[in-house]
Amino acid sequence: MADLENKEEEKQPRIKPIIEAADSLSLGISMVVAVAMGVGIGFLLKSMTGLAWTLWIGVFIGVAAAILNIFKAYQKQKEMYEDLAKEPRYAIKKQLDDEDDDD
């Protein structure tokens, strides 16, 4: 029975954790790119309209996009944590908390 479980674990793709780690590392890069693109949009608006304050519209768009990226990454990590908390092998913490409440 244990051999069957080991074979099933071997068949699962091992690259998934690597991809998830790279996705987490790319958060910093995506923030920088979002702000840089916003500044680029600001310069484009400034050159098209000739108004200096339109540069700040682009900066605001870039910062808002970076904040949105952070929020999306937070939501994804929160969902992964909740899924992990539902796994039975991590249920011992709940059992220990219940025993402490009985005392």
C-alpha atoms as a PDB file:
ATOM      1  CA  MET A   1       0.000   0.000   0.000  1.00  0.00           C
ATOM      2  CA  ALA A   2       2.801   2.411   0.891  1.00  0.00           C
ATOM      3  CA  ASP A   3       4.603   1.515  -2.341  1.00  0.00           C
ATOM      4  CA  LEU A   4       1.523   2.512  -4.318  1.00  0.00           C
ATOM      5  CA  GLU A   5       1.412   5.892  -2.572  1.00  0.00           C
ATOM      6  CA  ASN A   6       5.121   6.471  -3.249  1.00  0.00           C
ATOM      7  CA  LYS A   7       4.639   5.704  -6.944  1.00  0.00           C
ATOM      8  CA  GLU A   8       1.752   8.180  -7.123  1.00  0.00           C
ATOM      9  CA  GLU A   9       3.913  10.865  -5.503  1.00  0.00           C
ATOM     10  CA  GLU A  10       6.677  10.206  -8.042  1.00  0.00           C
ATOM     11  CA  LYS A  11       4.229  10.712 -10.919  1.00  0.00           C
ATOM     12  CA  GLN A  12       3.226  14.174  -9.722  1.00  0.00           C
ATOM     13  CA  PRO A  13       5.078  17.003 -11.458  1.00  0.00           C
ATOM     14  CA  ARG A  14       8.032  18.263  -9.458  1.00  0.00           C
ATOM     15  CA  ILE A  15       8.308  21.544 -11.323  1.00  0.00           C
ATOM     16  CA  LYS A  16       5.160  23.064  -9.800  1.00  0.00           C
ATOM     17  CA  PRO A  17       6.894  24.276  -6.577  1.00  0.00           C
ATOM     18  CA  ILE A  18       9.661  25.813  -8.685  1.00  0.00           C
ATOM     19  CA  ILE A  19       7.133  27.728 -10.771  1.00  0.00           C
ATOM     20  CA  GLU A  20       5.322  28.938  -7.638  1.00  0.00           C
ATOM     21  CA  ALA A  21       8.619  30.134  -6.127  1.00  0.00           C
ATOM     22  CA  ALA A  22       9.525  31.990  -9.325  1.00  0.00           C
ATOM     23  CA  ASP A  23       6.091  33.595  -9.311  1.00  0.00           C
ATOM     24  CA  SER A  24       6.696  34.895  -5.803  1.00  0.00           C
ATOM     25  CA  LEU A  25      10.124  36.233  -6.748  1.00  0.00           C
ATOM     26  CA  SER A  26       8.692  38.042  -9.736  1.00  0.00           C
ATOM     27  CA  LEU A  27       6.509  40.233  -7.491  1.00  0.00           C
ATOM     28  CA  GLY A  28       9.317  42.739  -6.934  1.00  0.00           C
ATOM     29  CA  ILE A  29      10.135  42.840 -10.606  1.00  0.00           C
ATOM     30  CA  SER A  30       6.484  43.337 -11.554  1.00  0.00           C
ATOM     31  CA  MET A  31       6.229  46.265  -9.134  1.00  0.00           C
ATOM     32  CA  VAL A  32       9.221  47.997 -10.718  1.00  0.00           C
ATOM     33  CA  VAL A  33       7.917  47.326 -14.228  1.00  0.00           C
ATOM     34  CA  ALA A  34       4.445  48.637 -13.337  1.00  0.00           C
ATOM     35  CA  VAL A  35       5.833  51.914 -11.982  1.00  0.00           C
ATOM     36  CA  ALA A  36       8.219  52.253 -14.946  1.00  0.00           C
ATOM     37  CA  MET A  37       5.366  51.723 -17.401  1.00  0.00           C
ATOM     38  CA  GLY A  38       3.282  54.290 -15.532  1.00  0.00           C
ATOM     39  CA  VAL A  39       6.080  56.842 -15.751  1.00  0.00           C
ATOM     40  CA  GLY A  40       6.385  56.033 -19.468  1.00  0.00           C
ATOM     41  CA  ILE A  41       2.669  56.667 -19.908  1.00  0.00           C
ATOM     42  CA  GLY A  42       3.103  59.923 -18.008  1.00  0.00           C
ATOM     43  CA  PHE A  43       5.925  61.055 -20.281  1.00  0.00           C
ATOM     44  CA  LEU A  44       3.831  60.123 -23.307  1.00  0.00           C
ATOM     45  CA  LEU A  45       0.871  62.131 -22.009  1.00  0.00           C
ATOM     46  CA  LYS A  46       3.165  65.049 -21.195  1.00  0.00           C
ATOM     47  CA  SER A  47       4.660  65.063 -24.681  1.00  0.00           C
ATOM     48  CA  MET A  48       1.238  64.781 -26.336  1.00  0.00           C
ATOM     49  CA  THR A  49      -0.508  67.460 -24.280  1.00  0.00           C
ATOM     50  CA  GLY A  50       2.359  69.691 -23.198  1.00  0.00           C
ATOM     51  CA  LEU A  51       0.970  69.778 -19.648  1.00  0.00           C
ATOM     52  CA  ALA A  52       3.482  68.927 -16.936  1.00  0.00           C
ATOM     53  CA  TRP A  53       0.922  67.580 -14.474  1.00  0.00           C
ATOM     54  CA  THR A  54      -0.049  64.724 -16.837  1.00  0.00           C
ATOM     55  CA  LEU A  55       3.259  63.072 -15.912  1.00  0.00           C
ATOM     56  CA  TRP A  56       1.832  62.573 -12.415  1.00  0.00           C
ATOM     57  CA  ILE A  57      -1.226  60.827 -13.855  1.00  0.00           C
ATOM     58  CA  GLY A  58       1.116  58.228 -15.328  1.00  0.00           C
ATOM     59  CA  VAL A  59       3.024  57.894 -12.062  1.00  0.00           C
ATOM     60  CA  PHE A  60      -0.277  57.378 -10.232  1.00  0.00           C
ATOM     61  CA  ILE A  61      -1.323  54.706 -12.753  1.00  0.00           C
ATOM     62  CA  GLY A  62       1.997  52.890 -12.258  1.00  0.00           C
ATOM     63  CA  VAL A  63       1.815  52.974  -8.472  1.00  0.00           C
ATOM     64  CA  ALA A  64      -1.811  51.801  -8.572  1.00  0.00           C
ATOM     65  CA  ALA A  65      -0.818  48.887 -10.817  1.00  0.00           C
ATOM     66  CA  ALA A  66       2.003  47.950  -8.421  1.00  0.00           C
ATOM     67  CA  ILE A  67      -0.408  48.000  -5.465  1.00  0.00           C
ATOM     68  CA  LEU A  68      -2.827  45.842  -7.449  1.00  0.00           C
ATOM     69  CA  ASN A  69      -0.029  43.335  -8.088  1.00  0.00           C
ATOM     70  CA  ILE A  70       0.708  43.182  -4.365  1.00  0.00           C
ATOM     71  CA  PHE A  71      -2.968  42.670  -3.545  1.00  0.00           C
ATOM     72  CA  LYS A  72      -3.299  39.846  -6.086  1.00  0.00           C
ATOM     73  CA  ALA A  73      -0.189  38.133  -4.718  1.00  0.00           C
ATOM     74  CA  TYR A  74      -1.555  38.479  -1.167  1.00  0.00           C
ATOM     75  CA  GLN A  75      -4.889  36.941  -2.161  1.00  0.00           C
ATOM     76  CA  LYS A  76      -3.129  34.040  -3.869  1.00  0.00           C
ATOM     77  CA  GLN A  77      -0.943  33.362  -0.822  1.00  0.00           C
ATOM     78  CA  LYS A  78      -3.959  33.584   1.473  1.00  0.00           C
ATOM     79  CA  GLU A  79      -5.835  30.992  -0.597  1.00  0.00           C
ATOM     80  CA  MET A  80      -2.809  28.688  -0.558  1.00  0.00           C
ATOM     81  CA  TYR A  81      -2.558  29.052   3.238  1.00  0.00           C
ATOM     82  CA  GLU A  82      -6.245  28.248   3.695  1.00  0.00           C
ATOM     83  CA  ASP A  83      -5.916  25.160   1.492  1.00  0.00           C
ATOM     84  CA  LEU A  84      -2.888  24.070   3.485  1.00  0.00           C
ATOM     85  CA  ALA A  85      -4.718  24.553   6.774  1.00  0.00           C
ATOM     86  CA  LYS A  86      -7.465  22.181   5.595  1.00  0.00           C
ATOM     87  CA  GLU A  87      -5.052  19.281   5.085  1.00  0.00           C
ATOM     88  CA  PRO A  88      -5.456  16.575   7.723  1.00  0.00           C
ATOM     89  CA  ARG A  89      -1.751  16.318   8.521  1.00  0.00           C
ATOM     90  CA  TYR A  90      -1.824  19.853   9.902  1.00  0.00           C
ATOM     91  CA  ALA A  91      -4.950  19.269  11.997  1.00  0.00           C
ATOM     92  CA  ILE A  92      -2.886  18.435  15.102  1.00  0.00           C
ATOM     93  CA  LYS A  93      -2.619  22.133  15.968  1.00  0.00           C
ATOM     94  CA  LYS A  94      -6.394  22.321  16.205  1.00  0.00           C
ATOM     95  CA  GLN A  95      -6.429  19.218  18.398  1.00  0.00           C
ATOM     96  CA  LEU A  96      -3.820  20.730  20.717  1.00  0.00           C
ATOM     97  CA  ASP A  97      -5.782  23.980  20.928  1.00  0.00           C
ATOM     98  CA  ASP A  98      -8.945  22.056  21.791  1.00  0.00           C
ATOM     99  CA  GLU A  99      -7.103  20.163  24.546  1.00  0.00           C
ATOM    100  CA  ASP A 100      -5.833  23.446  26.023  1.00  0.00           C
ATOM    101  CA  ASP A 101      -9.368  24.830  26.093  1.00  0.00           C
ATOM    102  CA  ASP A 102     -10.560  21.817  28.089  1.00  0.00           C
ATOM    103  CA  ASP A 103      -8.034  22.529  30.868  1.00  0.00           C
END
